[in-house]
PDB file of all heavy atoms in Angstrom:
ATOM      1  N   ARG A   1      78.077 160.911  32.989  1.00  0.00           N
ATOM      2  CA  ARG A   1      77.923 161.144  34.424  1.00  0.00           C
ATOM      3  C   ARG A   1      79.262 160.917  35.120  1.00  0.00           C
ATOM      4  O   ARG A   1      80.047 160.084  34.692  1.00  0.00           O
ATOM      5  CB  ARG A   1      76.914 160.177  35.056  1.00  0.00           C
ATOM      6  CG  ARG A   1      75.760 159.787  34.190  1.00  0.00           C
ATOM      7  CD  ARG A   1      74.698 160.848  34.113  1.00  0.00           C
ATOM      8  NE  ARG A   1      73.582 160.404  33.294  1.00  0.00           N
ATOM      9  CZ  ARG A   1      72.596 161.179  32.918  1.00  0.00           C
ATOM     10  NH1 ARG A   1      72.559 162.447  33.312  1.00  0.00           N
ATOM     11  NH2 ARG A   1      71.617 160.715  32.167  1.00  0.00           N
ATOM     12  N   ARG A   2      79.484 161.634  36.198  1.00  0.00           N
ATOM     13  CA  ARG A   2      80.616 161.304  37.055  1.00  0.00           C
ATOM     14  C   ARG A   2      80.145 160.266  38.057  1.00  0.00           C
ATOM     15  O   ARG A   2      79.205 160.499  38.825  1.00  0.00           O
ATOM     16  CB  ARG A   2      81.170 162.530  37.768  1.00  0.00           C
ATOM     17  CG  ARG A   2      82.465 162.213  38.502  1.00  0.00           C
ATOM     18  CD  ARG A   2      83.117 163.420  39.099  1.00  0.00           C
ATOM     19  NE  ARG A   2      84.413 163.055  39.630  1.00  0.00           N
ATOM     20  CZ  ARG A   2      85.168 163.850  40.377  1.00  0.00           C
ATOM     21  NH1 ARG A   2      84.757 165.089  40.647  1.00  0.00           N
ATOM     22  NH2 ARG A   2      86.332 163.434  40.840  1.00  0.00           N
ATOM     23  N   LEU A   3      80.786 159.122  38.069  1.00  0.00           N
ATOM     24  CA  LEU A   3      80.322 157.995  38.864  1.00  0.00           C
ATOM     25  C   LEU A   3      80.818 158.094  40.299  1.00  0.00           C
ATOM     26  O   LEU A   3      82.008 158.288  40.553  1.00  0.00           O
ATOM     27  CB  LEU A   3      80.815 156.688  38.242  1.00  0.00           C
ATOM     28  CG  LEU A   3      80.419 155.399  38.973  1.00  0.00           C
ATOM     29  CD1 LEU A   3      78.896 155.238  38.999  1.00  0.00           C
ATOM     30  CD2 LEU A   3      81.075 154.186  38.297  1.00  0.00           C
ATOM     31  N   ILE A   4      79.890 157.965  41.244  1.00  0.00           N
ATOM     32  CA  ILE A   4      80.219 157.776  42.655  1.00  0.00           C
ATOM     33  C   ILE A   4      80.036 156.287  42.923  1.00  0.00           C
ATOM     34  O   ILE A   4      78.912 155.771  42.890  1.00  0.00           O
ATOM     35  CB  ILE A   4      79.301 158.617  43.555  1.00  0.00           C
ATOM     36  CG1 ILE A   4      79.387 160.098  43.175  1.00  0.00           C
ATOM     37  CG2 ILE A   4      79.671 158.419  45.023  1.00  0.00           C
ATOM     38  CD1 ILE A   4      78.265 160.939  43.759  1.00  0.00           C
ATOM     39  N   TYR A   5      81.139 155.592  43.167  1.00  0.00           N
ATOM     40  CA  TYR A   5      81.103 154.133  43.199  1.00  0.00           C
ATOM     41  C   TYR A   5      81.288 153.650  44.636  1.00  0.00           C
ATOM     42  O   TYR A   5      82.343 153.824  45.250  1.00  0.00           O
ATOM     43  CB  TYR A   5      82.190 153.559  42.305  1.00  0.00           C
ATOM     44  CG  TYR A   5      81.915 152.146  41.849  1.00  0.00           C
ATOM     45  CD1 TYR A   5      80.658 151.779  41.355  1.00  0.00           C
ATOM     46  CD2 TYR A   5      82.907 151.173  41.881  1.00  0.00           C
ATOM     47  CE1 TYR A   5      80.400 150.493  40.934  1.00  0.00           C
ATOM     48  CE2 TYR A   5      82.661 149.881  41.445  1.00  0.00           C
ATOM     49  CZ  TYR A   5      81.401 149.549  40.981  1.00  0.00           C
ATOM     50  OH  TYR A   5      81.147 148.267  40.551  1.00  0.00           O
ATOM     51  N   SER A   6      80.230 153.047  45.179  1.00  0.00           N
ATOM     52  CA  SER A   6      80.219 152.552  46.553  1.00  0.00           C
ATOM     53  C   SER A   6      80.853 151.161  46.578  1.00  0.00           C
ATOM     54  O   SER A   6      80.358 150.241  45.918  1.00  0.00           O
ATOM     55  CB  SER A   6      78.786 152.491  47.073  1.00  0.00           C
ATOM     56  OG  SER A   6      78.124 153.718  46.850  1.00  0.00           O
ATOM     57  N   VAL A   7      81.920 151.014  47.355  1.00  0.00           N
ATOM     58  CA  VAL A   7      82.710 149.789  47.315  1.00  0.00           C
ATOM     59  C   VAL A   7      82.723 149.129  48.691  1.00  0.00           C
ATOM     60  O   VAL A   7      83.198 149.722  49.668  1.00  0.00           O
ATOM     61  CB  VAL A   7      84.163 150.103  46.890  1.00  0.00           C
ATOM     62  CG1 VAL A   7      84.991 148.824  46.848  1.00  0.00           C
ATOM     63  CG2 VAL A   7      84.186 150.792  45.534  1.00  0.00           C
ATOM     64  N   PRO A   8      82.215 147.902  48.822  1.00  0.00           N
ATOM     65  CA  PRO A   8      82.338 147.173  50.087  1.00  0.00           C
ATOM     66  C   PRO A   8      83.804 146.862  50.365  1.00  0.00           C
ATOM     67  O   PRO A   8      84.602 146.706  49.438  1.00  0.00           O
ATOM     68  CB  PRO A   8      81.530 145.896  49.841  1.00  0.00           C
ATOM     69  CG  PRO A   8      81.512 145.734  48.355  1.00  0.00           C
ATOM     70  CD  PRO A   8      81.534 147.110  47.772  1.00  0.00           C
ATOM     71  N   LEU A   9      84.172 146.765  51.623  1.00  0.00           N
ATOM     72  CA  LEU A   9      85.575 146.565  51.967  1.00  0.00           C
ATOM     73  C   LEU A   9      86.045 145.134  51.771  1.00  0.00           C
ATOM     74  O   LEU A   9      87.245 144.880  51.744  1.00  0.00           O
ATOM     75  CB  LEU A   9      85.823 147.000  53.415  1.00  0.00           C
ATOM     76  CG  LEU A   9      85.618 148.499  53.690  1.00  0.00           C
ATOM     77  CD1 LEU A   9      85.977 148.830  55.133  1.00  0.00           C
ATOM     78  CD2 LEU A   9      86.420 149.355  52.720  1.00  0.00           C
ATOM     79  N   PHE A  10      85.118 144.218  51.602  1.00  0.00           N
ATOM     80  CA  PHE A  10      85.444 142.825  51.306  1.00  0.00           C
ATOM     81  C   PHE A  10      84.150 142.128  50.913  1.00  0.00           C
ATOM     82  O   PHE A  10      83.059 142.590  51.264  1.00  0.00           O
ATOM     83  CB  PHE A  10      86.101 142.119  52.499  1.00  0.00           C
ATOM     84  CG  PHE A  10      85.488 142.439  53.825  1.00  0.00           C
ATOM     85  CD1 PHE A  10      84.343 141.792  54.276  1.00  0.00           C
ATOM     86  CD2 PHE A  10      86.056 143.402  54.637  1.00  0.00           C
ATOM     87  CE1 PHE A  10      83.777 142.103  55.492  1.00  0.00           C
ATOM     88  CE2 PHE A  10      85.485 143.728  55.862  1.00  0.00           C
ATOM     89  CZ  PHE A  10      84.352 143.070  56.294  1.00  0.00           C
ATOM     90  N   PRO A  11      84.228 141.034  50.182  1.00  0.00           N
ATOM     91  CA  PRO A  11      82.997 140.331  49.779  1.00  0.00           C
ATOM     92  C   PRO A  11      82.261 139.783  51.008  1.00  0.00           C
ATOM     93  O   PRO A  11      82.862 139.396  52.005  1.00  0.00           O
ATOM     94  CB  PRO A  11      83.514 139.180  48.900  1.00  0.00           C
ATOM     95  CG  PRO A  11      84.886 139.607  48.486  1.00  0.00           C
ATOM     96  CD  PRO A  11      85.433 140.411  49.617  1.00  0.00           C
ATOM     97  N   HIS A  12      80.949 139.747  50.905  1.00  0.00           N
ATOM     98  CA  HIS A  12      80.141 139.172  51.969  1.00  0.00           C
ATOM     99  C   HIS A  12      78.787 138.819  51.386  1.00  0.00           C
ATOM    100  O   HIS A  12      78.398 139.284  50.322  1.00  0.00           O
ATOM    101  CB  HIS A  12      79.985 140.148  53.145  1.00  0.00           C
ATOM    102  CG  HIS A  12      79.268 141.422  52.785  1.00  0.00           C
ATOM    103  ND1 HIS A  12      77.899 141.572  52.901  1.00  0.00           N
ATOM    104  CD2 HIS A  12      79.728 142.593  52.275  1.00  0.00           C
ATOM    105  CE1 HIS A  12      77.551 142.779  52.507  1.00  0.00           C
ATOM    106  NE2 HIS A  12      78.632 143.423  52.111  1.00  0.00           N
ATOM    107  N   LEU A  13      78.065 137.997  52.100  1.00  0.00           N
ATOM    108  CA  LEU A  13      76.719 137.613  51.715  1.00  0.00           C
ATOM    109  C   LEU A  13      75.723 138.274  52.656  1.00  0.00           C
ATOM    110  O   LEU A  13      76.078 138.663  53.780  1.00  0.00           O
ATOM    111  CB  LEU A  13      76.569 136.088  51.772  1.00  0.00           C
ATOM    112  CG  LEU A  13      77.493 135.305  50.816  1.00  0.00           C
ATOM    113  CD1 LEU A  13      77.349 133.805  51.066  1.00  0.00           C
ATOM    114  CD2 LEU A  13      77.183 135.646  49.370  1.00  0.00           C
ATOM    115  N   PRO A  14      74.467 138.406  52.241  1.00  0.00           N
ATOM    116  CA  PRO A  14      73.479 139.060  53.115  1.00  0.00           C
ATOM    117  C   PRO A  14      73.333 138.393  54.477  1.00  0.00           C
ATOM    118  O   PRO A  14      72.925 139.038  55.444  1.00  0.00           O
ATOM    119  CB  PRO A  14      72.181 138.957  52.310  1.00  0.00           C
ATOM    120  CG  PRO A  14      72.632 138.867  50.890  1.00  0.00           C
ATOM    121  CD  PRO A  14      73.912 138.082  50.922  1.00  0.00           C
ATOM    122  N   THR A  15      73.664 137.096  54.562  1.00  0.00           N
ATOM    123  CA  THR A  15      73.516 136.381  55.834  1.00  0.00           C
ATOM    124  C   THR A  15      74.725 136.537  56.744  1.00  0.00           C
ATOM    125  O   THR A  15      74.709 136.081  57.882  1.00  0.00           O
ATOM    126  CB  THR A  15      73.295 134.884  55.558  1.00  0.00           C
ATOM    127  OG1 THR A  15      74.361 134.391  54.724  1.00  0.00           O
ATOM    128  CG2 THR A  15      71.965 134.657  54.868  1.00  0.00           C
ATOM    129  N   ASP A  16      75.798 137.183  56.267  1.00  0.00           N
ATOM    130  CA  ASP A  16      76.993 137.367  57.091  1.00  0.00           C
ATOM    131  C   ASP A  16      76.689 138.259  58.292  1.00  0.00           C
ATOM    132  O   ASP A  16      75.836 139.130  58.245  1.00  0.00           O
ATOM    133  CB  ASP A  16      78.132 138.003  56.282  1.00  0.00           C
ATOM    134  CG  ASP A  16      78.738 137.017  55.294  1.00  0.00           C
ATOM    135  OD1 ASP A  16      78.506 135.808  55.447  1.00  0.00           O
ATOM    136  OD2 ASP A  16      79.441 137.479  54.388  1.00  0.00           O
ATOM    137  N   ARG A  17      77.423 138.035  59.357  1.00  0.00           N
ATOM    138  CA  ARG A  17      77.295 138.848  60.556  1.00  0.00           C
ATOM    139  C   ARG A  17      78.611 139.566  60.818  1.00  0.00           C
ATOM    140  O   ARG A  17      79.688 139.078  60.512  1.00  0.00           O
ATOM    141  CB  ARG A  17      76.932 137.987  61.765  1.00  0.00           C
ATOM    142  CG  ARG A  17      75.529 137.388  61.663  1.00  0.00           C
ATOM    143  CD  ARG A  17      74.464 138.490  61.775  1.00  0.00           C
ATOM    144  NE  ARG A  17      73.110 137.954  61.687  1.00  0.00           N
ATOM    145  CZ  ARG A  17      72.412 137.914  60.568  1.00  0.00           C
ATOM    146  NH1 ARG A  17      72.953 138.346  59.439  1.00  0.00           N
ATOM    147  NH2 ARG A  17      71.188 137.433  60.562  1.00  0.00           N
ATOM    148  N   ALA A  18      78.506 140.741  61.424  1.00  0.00           N
ATOM    149  CA  ALA A  18      79.697 141.554  61.657  1.00  0.00           C
ATOM    150  C   ALA A  18      80.739 140.819  62.474  1.00  0.00           C
ATOM    151  O   ALA A  18      81.940 141.005  62.292  1.00  0.00           O
ATOM    152  CB  ALA A  18      79.299 142.861  62.340  1.00  0.00           C
ATOM    153  N   ALA A  19      80.308 139.974  63.406  1.00  0.00           N
ATOM    154  CA  ALA A  19      81.272 139.264  64.243  1.00  0.00           C
ATOM    155  C   ALA A  19      82.199 138.398  63.411  1.00  0.00           C
ATOM    156  O   ALA A  19      83.365 138.227  63.721  1.00  0.00           O
ATOM    157  CB  ALA A  19      80.527 138.413  65.268  1.00  0.00           C
ATOM    158  N   GLY A  20      81.671 137.839  62.324  1.00  0.00           N
ATOM    159  CA  GLY A  20      82.485 137.008  61.460  1.00  0.00           C
ATOM    160  C   GLY A  20      83.312 137.783  60.472  1.00  0.00           C
ATOM    161  O   GLY A  20      84.119 137.208  59.746  1.00  0.00           O
ATOM    162  N   ALA A  21      83.105 139.086  60.424  1.00  0.00           N
ATOM    163  CA  ALA A  21      83.825 139.915  59.467  1.00  0.00           C
ATOM    164  C   ALA A  21      85.053 140.579  60.071  1.00  0.00           C
ATOM    165  O   ALA A  21      85.823 141.221  59.358  1.00  0.00           O
ATOM    166  CB  ALA A  21      82.890 140.991  58.914  1.00  0.00           C
ATOM    167  N   GLY A  22      85.249 140.437  61.375  1.00  0.00           N
ATOM    168  CA  GLY A  22      86.390 141.073  62.017  1.00  0.00           C
ATOM    169  C   GLY A  22      87.712 140.650  61.424  1.00  0.00           C
ATOM    170  O   GLY A  22      88.618 141.463  61.229  1.00  0.00           O
ATOM    171  N   LYS A  23      87.852 139.365  61.120  1.00  0.00           N
ATOM    172  CA  LYS A  23      89.102 138.883  60.541  1.00  0.00           C
ATOM    173  C   LYS A  23      89.319 139.465  59.159  1.00  0.00           C
ATOM    174  O   LYS A  23      90.450 139.787  58.785  1.00  0.00           O
ATOM    175  CB  LYS A  23      89.091 137.355  60.486  1.00  0.00           C
ATOM    176  CG  LYS A  23      89.139 136.684  61.844  1.00  0.00           C
ATOM    177  CD  LYS A  23      89.159 135.167  61.711  1.00  0.00           C
ATOM    178  CE  LYS A  23      89.219 134.501  63.083  1.00  0.00           C
ATOM    179  NZ  LYS A  23      89.204 133.009  62.976  1.00  0.00           N
ATOM    180  N   ALA A  24      88.240 139.612  58.383  1.00  0.00           N
ATOM    181  CA  ALA A  24      88.377 140.187  57.040  1.00  0.00           C
ATOM    182  C   ALA A  24      88.819 141.642  57.121  1.00  0.00           C
ATOM    183  O   ALA A  24      89.668 142.093  56.340  1.00  0.00           O
ATOM    184  CB  ALA A  24      87.061 140.071  56.279  1.00  0.00           C
ATOM    185  N   LEU A  25      88.266 142.402  58.062  1.00  0.00           N
ATOM    186  CA  LEU A  25      88.667 143.794  58.210  1.00  0.00           C
ATOM    187  C   LEU A  25      90.131 143.882  58.648  1.00  0.00           C
ATOM    188  O   LEU A  25      90.881 144.743  58.164  1.00  0.00           O
ATOM    189  CB  LEU A  25      87.763 144.507  59.214  1.00  0.00           C
ATOM    190  CG  LEU A  25      87.911 146.026  59.282  1.00  0.00           C
ATOM    191  CD1 LEU A  25      87.564 146.662  57.937  1.00  0.00           C
ATOM    192  CD2 LEU A  25      87.030 146.607  60.380  1.00  0.00           C
ATOM    193  N   ALA A  26      90.545 142.999  59.544  1.00  0.00           N
ATOM    194  CA  ALA A  26      91.940 142.972  59.977  1.00  0.00           C
ATOM    195  C   ALA A  26      92.869 142.614  58.815  1.00  0.00           C
ATOM    196  O   ALA A  26      93.973 143.172  58.688  1.00  0.00           O
ATOM    197  CB  ALA A  26      92.111 141.991  61.126  1.00  0.00           C
ATOM    198  N   ARG A  27      92.455 141.671  57.963  1.00  0.00           N
ATOM    199  CA  ARG A  27      93.271 141.321  56.800  1.00  0.00           C
ATOM    200  C   ARG A  27      93.399 142.503  55.844  1.00  0.00           C
ATOM    201  O   ARG A  27      94.473 142.770  55.298  1.00  0.00           O
ATOM    202  CB  ARG A  27      92.661 140.132  56.070  1.00  0.00           C
ATOM    203  CG  ARG A  27      92.779 138.808  56.802  1.00  0.00           C
ATOM    204  CD  ARG A  27      92.268 137.684  55.920  1.00  0.00           C
ATOM    205  NE  ARG A  27      93.068 137.582  54.701  1.00  0.00           N
ATOM    206  CZ  ARG A  27      92.689 136.895  53.618  1.00  0.00           C
ATOM    207  NH1 ARG A  27      91.510 136.281  53.602  1.00  0.00           N
ATOM    208  NH2 ARG A  27      93.476 136.838  52.567  1.00  0.00           N
ATOM    209  N   CYS A  28      92.292 143.221  55.654  1.00  0.00           N
ATOM    210  CA  CYS A  28      92.345 144.412  54.810  1.00  0.00           C
ATOM    211  C   CYS A  28      93.303 145.431  55.396  1.00  0.00           C
ATOM    212  O   CYS A  28      94.105 146.050  54.675  1.00  0.00           O
ATOM    213  CB  CYS A  28      90.948 145.004  54.671  1.00  0.00           C
ATOM    214  SG  CYS A  28      90.864 146.493  53.666  1.00  0.00           S
ATOM    215  N   ALA A  29      93.255 145.599  56.727  1.00  0.00           N
ATOM    216  CA  ALA A  29      94.129 146.553  57.401  1.00  0.00           C
ATOM    217  C   ALA A  29      95.595 146.173  57.254  1.00  0.00           C
ATOM    218  O   ALA A  29      96.483 147.035  57.262  1.00  0.00           O
ATOM    219  CB  ALA A  29      93.751 146.650  58.874  1.00  0.00           C
ATOM    220  N   ALA A  30      95.862 144.883  57.111  1.00  0.00           N
ATOM    221  CA  ALA A  30      97.234 144.407  56.953  1.00  0.00           C
ATOM    222  C   ALA A  30      97.723 144.472  55.512  1.00  0.00           C
ATOM    223  O   ALA A  30      98.885 144.164  55.235  1.00  0.00           O
ATOM    224  CB  ALA A  30      97.347 142.972  57.469  1.00  0.00           C
ATOM    225  N   GLY A  31      96.833 144.851  54.578  1.00  0.00           N
ATOM    226  CA  GLY A  31      97.235 144.956  53.183  1.00  0.00           C
ATOM    227  C   GLY A  31      96.989 143.719  52.353  1.00  0.00           C
ATOM    228  O   GLY A  31      97.401 143.665  51.179  1.00  0.00           O
ATOM    229  N   ASP A  32      96.307 142.712  52.923  1.00  0.00           N
ATOM    230  CA  ASP A  32      96.094 141.459  52.190  1.00  0.00           C
ATOM    231  C   ASP A  32      95.264 141.654  50.931  1.00  0.00           C
ATOM    232  O   ASP A  32      95.362 140.845  49.991  1.00  0.00           O
ATOM    233  CB  ASP A  32      95.400 140.440  53.089  1.00  0.00           C
ATOM    234  CG  ASP A  32      96.300 139.918  54.190  1.00  0.00           C
ATOM    235  OD1 ASP A  32      97.485 140.328  54.236  1.00  0.00           O
ATOM    236  OD2 ASP A  32      95.821 139.117  55.025  1.00  0.00           O
ATOM    237  N   PHE A  33      94.428 142.696  50.896  1.00  0.00           N
ATOM    238  CA  PHE A  33      93.534 142.880  49.753  1.00  0.00           C
ATOM    239  C   PHE A  33      94.030 143.955  48.781  1.00  0.00           C
ATOM    240  O   PHE A  33      93.293 144.335  47.861  1.00  0.00           O
ATOM    241  CB  PHE A  33      92.130 143.255  50.243  1.00  0.00           C
ATOM    242  CG  PHE A  33      91.526 142.247  51.200  1.00  0.00           C
ATOM    243  CD1 PHE A  33      90.621 142.656  52.175  1.00  0.00           C
ATOM    244  CD2 PHE A  33      91.871 140.909  51.136  1.00  0.00           C
ATOM    245  CE1 PHE A  33      90.058 141.748  53.050  1.00  0.00           C
ATOM    246  CE2 PHE A  33      91.319 139.981  52.023  1.00  0.00           C
ATOM    247  CZ  PHE A  33      90.421 140.406  52.987  1.00  0.00           C
ATOM    248  N   ASP A  34      95.252 144.424  48.957  1.00  0.00           N
ATOM    249  CA  ASP A  34      95.774 145.460  48.061  1.00  0.00           C
ATOM    250  C   ASP A  34      95.718 145.059  46.588  1.00  0.00           C
ATOM    251  O   ASP A  34      95.386 145.894  45.731  1.00  0.00           O
ATOM    252  CB  ASP A  34      97.210 145.821  48.448  1.00  0.00           C
ATOM    253  CG  ASP A  34      97.268 146.638  49.729  1.00  0.00           C
ATOM    254  OD1 ASP A  34      96.231 146.782  50.394  1.00  0.00           O
ATOM    255  OD2 ASP A  34      98.370 147.129  50.072  1.00  0.00           O
ATOM    256  N   PRO A  35      96.023 143.812  46.232  1.00  0.00           N
ATOM    257  CA  PRO A  35      95.929 143.437  44.809  1.00  0.00           C
ATOM    258  C   PRO A  35      94.508 143.603  44.253  1.00  0.00           C
ATOM    259  O   PRO A  35      94.333 143.999  43.093  1.00  0.00           O
ATOM    260  CB  PRO A  35      96.372 141.972  44.799  1.00  0.00           C
ATOM    261  CG  PRO A  35      97.253 141.825  45.999  1.00  0.00           C
ATOM    262  CD  PRO A  35      96.620 142.708  47.031  1.00  0.00           C
ATOM    263  N   GLN A  36      93.509 143.305  45.060  1.00  0.00           N
ATOM    264  CA  GLN A  36      92.126 143.457  44.592  1.00  0.00           C
ATOM    265  C   GLN A  36      91.782 144.924  44.379  1.00  0.00           C
ATOM    266  O   GLN A  36      91.108 145.283  43.408  1.00  0.00           O
ATOM    267  CB  GLN A  36      91.165 142.821  45.604  1.00  0.00           C
ATOM    268  CG  GLN A  36      91.150 141.294  45.563  1.00  0.00           C
ATOM    269  CD  GLN A  36      92.259 140.653  46.385  1.00  0.00           C
ATOM    270  OE1 GLN A  36      93.101 141.352  46.969  1.00  0.00           O
ATOM    271  NE2 GLN A  36      92.279 139.336  46.435  1.00  0.00           N
ATOM    272  N   TRP A  37      92.231 145.804  45.283  1.00  0.00           N
ATOM    273  CA  TRP A  37      91.949 147.234  45.109  1.00  0.00           C
ATOM    274  C   TRP A  37      92.674 147.786  43.889  1.00  0.00           C
ATOM    275  O   TRP A  37      92.126 148.602  43.149  1.00  0.00           O
ATOM    276  CB  TRP A  37      92.358 148.010  46.357  1.00  0.00           C
ATOM    277  CG  TRP A  37      91.703 147.540  47.624  1.00  0.00           C
ATOM    278  CD1 TRP A  37      92.315 147.312  48.810  1.00  0.00           C
ATOM    279  CD2 TRP A  37      90.328 147.231  47.824  1.00  0.00           C
ATOM    280  NE1 TRP A  37      91.404 146.881  49.748  1.00  0.00           N
ATOM    281  CE2 TRP A  37      90.169 146.827  49.167  1.00  0.00           C
ATOM    282  CE3 TRP A  37      89.194 147.254  47.000  1.00  0.00           C
ATOM    283  CZ2 TRP A  37      88.948 146.446  49.705  1.00  0.00           C
ATOM    284  CZ3 TRP A  37      87.976 146.874  47.530  1.00  0.00           C
ATOM    285  CH2 TRP A  37      87.852 146.479  48.854  1.00  0.00           C
ATOM    286  N   ALA A  38      93.915 147.328  43.685  1.00  0.00           N
ATOM    287  CA  ALA A  38      94.640 147.768  42.491  1.00  0.00           C
ATOM    288  C   ALA A  38      93.923 147.311  41.227  1.00  0.00           C
ATOM    289  O   ALA A  38      93.843 148.051  40.231  1.00  0.00           O
ATOM    290  CB  ALA A  38      96.071 147.234  42.526  1.00  0.00           C
ATOM    291  N   GLN A  39      93.360 146.096  41.259  1.00  0.00           N
ATOM    292  CA  GLN A  39      92.624 145.604  40.100  1.00  0.00           C
ATOM    293  C   GLN A  39      91.376 146.434  39.840  1.00  0.00           C
ATOM    294  O   GLN A  39      91.041 146.736  38.686  1.00  0.00           O
ATOM    295  CB  GLN A  39      92.232 144.137  40.309  1.00  0.00           C
ATOM    296  CG  GLN A  39      91.602 143.479  39.087  1.00  0.00           C
ATOM    297  CD  GLN A  39      92.539 143.465  37.905  1.00  0.00           C
ATOM    298  OE1 GLN A  39      93.663 142.943  37.998  1.00  0.00           O
ATOM    299  NE2 GLN A  39      92.122 144.033  36.780  1.00  0.00           N
ATOM    300  N   LEU A  40      90.674 146.821  40.910  1.00  0.00           N
ATOM    301  CA  LEU A  40      89.515 147.703  40.745  1.00  0.00           C
ATOM    302  C   LEU A  40      89.935 149.008  40.090  1.00  0.00           C
ATOM    303  O   LEU A  40      89.260 149.502  39.173  1.00  0.00           O
ATOM    304  CB  LEU A  40      88.863 147.977  42.098  1.00  0.00           C
ATOM    305  CG  LEU A  40      87.756 149.038  42.119  1.00  0.00           C
ATOM    306  CD1 LEU A  40      86.602 148.661  41.190  1.00  0.00           C
ATOM    307  CD2 LEU A  40      87.252 149.277  43.542  1.00  0.00           C
ATOM    308  N   GLY A  41      91.048 149.566  40.520  1.00  0.00           N
ATOM    309  CA  GLY A  41      91.536 150.797  39.916  1.00  0.00           C
ATOM    310  C   GLY A  41      91.820 150.628  38.436  1.00  0.00           C
ATOM    311  O   GLY A  41      91.410 151.459  37.612  1.00  0.00           O
ATOM    312  N   HIS A  42      92.496 149.570  38.081  1.00  0.00           N
ATOM    313  CA  HIS A  42      92.806 149.319  36.670  1.00  0.00           C
ATOM    314  C   HIS A  42      91.533 149.083  35.858  1.00  0.00           C
ATOM    315  O   HIS A  42      91.425 149.550  34.710  1.00  0.00           O
ATOM    316  CB  HIS A  42      93.747 148.118  36.542  1.00  0.00           C
ATOM    317  CG  HIS A  42      95.144 148.401  36.985  1.00  0.00           C
ATOM    318  ND1 HIS A  42      95.954 149.342  36.370  1.00  0.00           N
ATOM    319  CD2 HIS A  42      95.887 147.889  37.993  1.00  0.00           C
ATOM    320  CE1 HIS A  42      97.135 149.383  36.968  1.00  0.00           C
ATOM    321  NE2 HIS A  42      97.113 148.508  37.966  1.00  0.00           N
ATOM    322  N   ASN A  43      90.570 148.375  36.431  1.00  0.00           N
ATOM    323  CA  ASN A  43      89.320 148.127  35.703  1.00  0.00           C
ATOM    324  C   ASN A  43      88.548 149.421  35.464  1.00  0.00           C
ATOM    325  O   ASN A  43      87.962 149.620  34.388  1.00  0.00           O
ATOM    326  CB  ASN A  43      88.455 147.128  36.468  1.00  0.00           C
ATOM    327  CG  ASN A  43      88.994 145.719  36.404  1.00  0.00           C
ATOM    328  OD1 ASN A  43      89.860 145.410  35.574  1.00  0.00           O
ATOM    329  ND2 ASN A  43      88.508 144.858  37.275  1.00  0.00           N
TER     330      ASN A  43
END
């Protein structure tokens, strides 16, 4: 099969709220999570 892989933009728990995720999205926008995305690619 050709895999369509749905990837969350950062880890979170079901109890998390969007208001608390703003900083995580901003960190992603700044490139803080680039090593994790590169690791996903390699995996």
